[in-house]
C-alpha atoms as a PDB file:
ATOM      1  CA  MET A   1       0.106  -0.038   0.012  1.00  0.00           C
ATOM      2  CA  SER A   2       1.634   3.458  -1.046  1.00  0.00           C
ATOM      3  CA  GLN A   3       1.717   6.193   1.650  1.00  0.00           C
ATOM      4  CA  SER A   4       0.348   9.446   0.716  1.00  0.00           C
ATOM      5  CA  LYS A   5       2.913  12.491   1.011  1.00  0.00           C
ATOM      6  CA  VAL A   6       1.892  15.381   2.831  1.00  0.00           C
ATOM      7  CA  ASP A   7       2.456  18.633   1.265  1.00  0.00           C
ATOM      8  CA  LEU A   8       3.392  20.555   4.119  1.00  0.00           C
ATOM      9  CA  PRO A   9       3.912  24.100   2.999  1.00  0.00           C
ATOM     10  CA  ALA A  10       0.389  23.801   1.600  1.00  0.00           C
ATOM     11  CA  LEU A  11      -1.213  22.546   4.516  1.00  0.00           C
ATOM     12  CA  ILE A  12       0.525  25.210   6.747  1.00  0.00           C
ATOM     13  CA  MET A  13      -0.935  27.708   4.421  1.00  0.00           C
ATOM     14  CA  VAL A  14      -4.381  26.454   4.232  1.00  0.00           C
ATOM     15  CA  LEU A  15      -4.571  26.280   8.273  1.00  0.00           C
ATOM     16  CA  PHE A  16      -3.508  29.941   8.806  1.00  0.00           C
ATOM     17  CA  PHE A  17      -5.761  31.143   6.270  1.00  0.00           C
ATOM     18  CA  THR A  18      -8.662  29.209   7.597  1.00  0.00           C
ATOM     19  CA  ALA A  19      -7.800  30.296  11.296  1.00  0.00           C
ATOM     20  CA  ASN A  20      -7.663  34.120   9.998  1.00  0.00           C
ATOM     21  CA  ILE A  21     -11.230  33.661   8.528  1.00  0.00           C
ATOM     22  CA  VAL A  22     -12.308  32.229  12.010  1.00  0.00           C
ATOM     23  CA  VAL A  23     -10.361  35.296  13.937  1.00  0.00           C
ATOM     24  CA  ASP A  24     -12.185  37.838  11.676  1.00  0.00           C
ATOM     25  CA  ILE A  25     -15.669  36.142  12.307  1.00  0.00           C
ATOM     26  CA  TYR A  26     -15.188  36.144  16.494  1.00  0.00           C
ATOM     27  CA  ASP A  27     -13.036  39.066  16.800  1.00  0.00           C
ATOM     28  CA  PRO A  28     -14.425  41.190  19.617  1.00  0.00           C
ATOM     29  CA  PHE A  29     -12.784  44.396  18.459  1.00  0.00           C
ATOM     30  CA  GLU A  30     -13.743  46.429  15.680  1.00  0.00           C
ATOM     31  CA  MET A  31     -12.033  48.820  13.404  1.00  0.00           C
ATOM     32  CA  PRO A  32     -13.960  52.215  12.440  1.00  0.00           C
ATOM     33  CA  ILE A  33     -13.632  51.265   8.783  1.00  0.00           C
ATOM     34  CA  LEU A  34     -16.515  51.226   5.890  1.00  0.00           C
ATOM     35  CA  GLN A  35     -17.122  47.599   5.058  1.00  0.00           C
ATOM     36  CA  GLU A  36     -17.188  48.793   1.158  1.00  0.00           C
ATOM     37  CA  ILE A  37     -13.468  49.398   1.595  1.00  0.00           C
ATOM     38  CA  GLY A  38     -13.119  45.475   2.375  1.00  0.00           C
ATOM     39  CA  TRP A  39     -15.618  44.489  -0.468  1.00  0.00           C
ATOM     40  CA  ALA A  40     -13.529  46.600  -2.862  1.00  0.00           C
ATOM     41  CA  VAL A  41     -10.057  44.794  -1.548  1.00  0.00           C
ATOM     42  CA  PHE A  42     -11.574  41.279  -1.676  1.00  0.00           C
ATOM     43  CA  VAL A  43     -13.194  41.540  -5.312  1.00  0.00           C
ATOM     44  CA  LEU A  44      -9.913  42.858  -6.381  1.00  0.00           C
ATOM     45  CA  GLY A  45      -8.231  39.868  -4.887  1.00  0.00           C
ATOM     46  CA  PHE A  46     -10.651  37.480  -6.181  1.00  0.00           C
ATOM     47  CA  LEU A  47     -10.475  38.985  -9.679  1.00  0.00           C
ATOM     48  CA  VAL A  48      -6.781  38.517  -9.881  1.00  0.00           C
ATOM     49  CA  LEU A  49      -7.337  35.144  -8.613  1.00  0.00           C
ATOM     50  CA  ILE A  50      -9.629  34.245 -11.462  1.00  0.00           C
ATOM     51  CA  TYR A  51      -6.835  35.997 -13.742  1.00  0.00           C
ATOM     52  CA  VAL A  52      -4.107  33.612 -12.454  1.00  0.00           C
ATOM     53  CA  ALA A  53      -6.258  30.452 -12.497  1.00  0.00           C
ATOM     54  CA  LEU A  54      -6.829  30.984 -16.378  1.00  0.00           C
ATOM     55  CA  TYR A  55      -3.029  30.719 -16.775  1.00  0.00           C
ATOM     56  CA  LEU A  56      -2.534  27.997 -14.438  1.00  0.00           C
ATOM     57  CA  ARG A  57      -5.207  26.160 -15.690  1.00  0.00           C
ATOM     58  CA  SER A  58      -4.506  22.427 -14.648  1.00  0.00           C
ATOM     59  CA  GLY A  59      -1.383  23.690 -12.499  1.00  0.00           C
ATOM     60  CA  PHE A  60      -4.223  25.548 -10.412  1.00  0.00           C
ATOM     61  CA  PHE A  61      -4.845  22.689  -8.057  1.00  0.00           C
ATOM     62  CA  GLY A  62      -1.594  21.184  -8.075  1.00  0.00           C
ATOM     63  CA  ALA A  63       0.829  20.617  -4.891  1.00  0.00           C
ATOM     64  CA  THR A  64       3.466  22.896  -3.637  1.00  0.00           C
ATOM     65  CA  ASP A  65       5.708  20.803  -6.146  1.00  0.00           C
ATOM     66  CA  PRO A  66       5.168  22.115  -9.672  1.00  0.00           C
ATOM     67  CA  ASN A  67       2.875  19.757 -11.776  1.00  0.00           C
ATOM     68  CA  LEU A  68       3.133  21.653 -15.111  1.00  0.00           C
ATOM     69  CA  GLY A  69       5.659  20.478 -18.027  1.00  0.00           C
ATOM     70  CA  HIS A  70       6.500  24.085 -18.846  1.00  0.00           C
ATOM     71  CA  LEU A  71       7.365  27.345 -17.035  1.00  0.00           C
ATOM     72  CA  ILE A  72       4.185  30.122 -17.135  1.00  0.00           C
ATOM     73  CA  THR A  73       6.099  33.405 -17.200  1.00  0.00           C
ATOM     74  CA  LYS A  74       3.281  35.156 -19.099  1.00  0.00           C
ATOM     75  CA  GLY A  75       0.083  37.136 -18.130  1.00  0.00           C
ATOM     76  CA  PRO A  76       0.230  37.736 -13.956  1.00  0.00           C
ATOM     77  CA  TYR A  77       3.732  35.788 -13.828  1.00  0.00           C
ATOM     78  CA  ALA A  78       5.122  38.644 -15.859  1.00  0.00           C
ATOM     79  CA  PHE A  79       4.857  41.007 -13.001  1.00  0.00           C
ATOM     80  CA  CYS A  80       5.623  38.511 -10.077  1.00  0.00           C
ATOM     81  CA  ARG A  81       6.541  34.938  -9.524  1.00  0.00           C
ATOM     82  CA  HIS A  82       3.913  34.143  -6.952  1.00  0.00           C
ATOM     83  CA  PRO A  83       0.725  35.951  -7.996  1.00  0.00           C
ATOM     84  CA  LEU A  84      -1.786  33.351  -6.730  1.00  0.00           C
ATOM     85  CA  TYR A  85      -0.431  33.943  -3.056  1.00  0.00           C
ATOM     86  CA  VAL A  86      -0.517  37.746  -3.621  1.00  0.00           C
ATOM     87  CA  SER A  87      -4.173  37.325  -4.383  1.00  0.00           C
ATOM     88  CA  PHE A  88      -4.633  34.775  -1.581  1.00  0.00           C
ATOM     89  CA  LEU A  89      -3.459  37.840   0.696  1.00  0.00           C
ATOM     90  CA  VAL A  90      -5.403  40.582  -1.028  1.00  0.00           C
ATOM     91  CA  ILE A  91      -8.555  38.292  -0.440  1.00  0.00           C
ATOM     92  CA  MET A  92      -7.603  37.852   3.336  1.00  0.00           C
ATOM     93  CA  ILE A  93      -6.880  41.471   3.906  1.00  0.00           C
ATOM     94  CA  GLY A  94     -10.226  42.291   2.176  1.00  0.00           C
ATOM     95  CA  MET A  95     -12.040  39.882   4.693  1.00  0.00           C
ATOM     96  CA  ASP A  96     -10.145  41.188   7.483  1.00  0.00           C
ATOM     97  CA  LEU A  97     -11.403  44.922   6.441  1.00  0.00           C
ATOM     98  CA  ILE A  98     -15.091  43.158   5.936  1.00  0.00           C
ATOM     99  CA  PHE A  99     -15.386  41.792   9.325  1.00  0.00           C
ATOM    100  CA  ARG A 100     -13.657  45.175  10.383  1.00  0.00           C
ATOM    101  CA  SER A 101     -11.405  42.918  12.482  1.00  0.00           C
ATOM    102  CA  PRO A 102      -8.000  44.644  13.660  1.00  0.00           C
ATOM    103  CA  THR A 103      -7.025  41.120  15.118  1.00  0.00           C
ATOM    104  CA  GLY A 104      -7.538  39.491  11.871  1.00  0.00           C
ATOM    105  CA  LEU A 105      -5.202  41.986  10.222  1.00  0.00           C
ATOM    106  CA  ILE A 106      -2.680  41.648  12.676  1.00  0.00           C
ATOM    107  CA  PHE A 107      -2.980  37.809  12.087  1.00  0.00           C
ATOM    108  CA  THR A 108      -2.549  38.035   8.203  1.00  0.00           C
ATOM    109  CA  PHE A 109       0.377  40.088   8.471  1.00  0.00           C
ATOM    110  CA  LEU A 110       2.154  37.963  11.444  1.00  0.00           C
ATOM    111  CA  LEU A 111       0.862  34.368  10.278  1.00  0.00           C
ATOM    112  CA  SER A 112      -1.056  34.248   6.875  1.00  0.00           C
ATOM    113  CA  LEU A 113       1.601  36.246   4.978  1.00  0.00           C
ATOM    114  CA  PRO A 114       4.506  34.436   6.659  1.00  0.00           C
ATOM    115  CA  SER A 115       2.981  30.958   5.652  1.00  0.00           C
ATOM    116  CA  ALA A 116       2.175  32.204   1.818  1.00  0.00           C
ATOM    117  CA  VAL A 117       6.358  33.607   1.898  1.00  0.00           C
ATOM    118  CA  TYR A 118       7.538  30.017   2.929  1.00  0.00           C
ATOM    119  CA  ARG A 119       5.439  27.834   0.472  1.00  0.00           C
ATOM    120  CA  ALA A 120       6.435  30.366  -2.176  1.00  0.00           C
ATOM    121  CA  ARG A 121       9.909  30.000  -1.189  1.00  0.00           C
ATOM    122  CA  ILE A 122       9.892  26.114  -1.281  1.00  0.00           C
ATOM    123  CA  GLU A 123       8.221  26.299  -4.749  1.00  0.00           C
ATOM    124  CA  ASP A 124      11.134  28.445  -5.938  1.00  0.00           C
ATOM    125  CA  LYS A 125      13.477  25.896  -4.917  1.00  0.00           C
ATOM    126  CA  LEU A 126      11.359  23.184  -6.651  1.00  0.00           C
ATOM    127  CA  LEU A 127      11.096  25.234  -9.627  1.00  0.00           C
ATOM    128  CA  ARG A 128      14.588  25.992  -9.846  1.00  0.00           C
ATOM    129  CA  ALA A 129      15.282  22.185  -9.617  1.00  0.00           C
ATOM    130  CA  LYS A 130      12.740  21.458 -12.402  1.00  0.00           C
ATOM    131  CA  PHE A 131      13.556  24.366 -14.830  1.00  0.00           C
ATOM    132  CA  GLY A 132      16.964  25.106 -14.272  1.00  0.00           C
ATOM    133  CA  GLU A 133      18.689  28.137 -16.265  1.00  0.00           C
ATOM    134  CA  GLU A 134      15.056  29.018 -17.742  1.00  0.00           C
ATOM    135  CA  TRP A 135      13.923  29.694 -13.964  1.00  0.00           C
ATOM    136  CA  ASP A 136      17.135  31.494 -13.197  1.00  0.00           C
ATOM    137  CA  ARG A 137      16.710  33.559 -16.422  1.00  0.00           C
ATOM    138  CA  TYR A 138      13.229  34.166 -15.220  1.00  0.00           C
ATOM    139  CA  ALA A 139      13.814  34.841 -11.505  1.00  0.00           C
ATOM    140  CA  ARG A 140      16.418  37.412 -12.343  1.00  0.00           C
ATOM    141  CA  LYS A 141      13.759  39.426 -14.108  1.00  0.00           C
ATOM    142  CA  VAL A 142      10.292  39.227 -12.304  1.00  0.00           C
ATOM    143  CA  GLY A 143       9.917  39.863  -8.463  1.00  0.00           C
ATOM    144  CA  PHE A 144       9.111  37.275  -5.700  1.00  0.00           C
ATOM    145  CA  MET A 145       5.685  38.518  -4.689  1.00  0.00           C
ATOM    146  CA  LEU A 146       5.578  41.865  -5.762  1.00  0.00           C
ATOM    147  CA  PRO A 147       7.058  43.445  -9.002  1.00  0.00           C
ATOM    148  CA  LYS A 148      10.609  43.927  -9.412  1.00  0.00           C
ATOM    149  CA  LEU A 149      11.611  47.621  -9.665  1.00  0.00           C
ATOM    150  CA  SER A 150      14.616  47.998 -12.113  1.00  0.00           C
ATOM    151  CA  ARG A 151      17.801  49.445 -10.346  1.00  0.00           C
ATOM    152  CA  GLU A 152      19.242  49.884 -13.529  1.00  0.00           C
ATOM    153  CA  ALA A 153      19.773  53.495 -14.720  1.00  0.00           C
ATOM    154  CA  PRO A 154      17.628  54.191 -18.263  1.00  0.00           C
ATOM    155  CA  ARG A 155      20.275  53.860 -21.264  1.00  0.00           C
ATOM    156  CA  VAL A 156      20.896  57.375 -23.115  1.00  0.00           C
ATOM    157  CA  ASP A 157      21.634  56.636 -26.605  1.00  0.00           C
END
């Protein structure tokens, strides 16, 4: 009988994001903020999630270990290497704001964000192992979770 391999980075991220939602719902404190702002942030994150899913297609429901035979570098992946995790974080911040939960917002930045970064770093290592120099070229050009700001001075010809 074969044993199932537990995807620990994915499990940690899902547990923290789920706990984050519970914190939002049961937080006894309330921030003085319009819920509409939270809904706008939530919808923005959800739209980015859909955009990313269209590019990942069958890879969307994959484990941390890459399951696609090619490296995706177009669409949202032209801006950052982990737009899916960014969309999850934007959705979570939107939920924190919808519930007006200051504790949820703190939880997002202290636990949910680090869990997403942890999974993304593991994924980077796996992608580098699978795609080698192609990955290295891509990673040099594109930021980790935010677009890379070029430090090169513009060329004057």
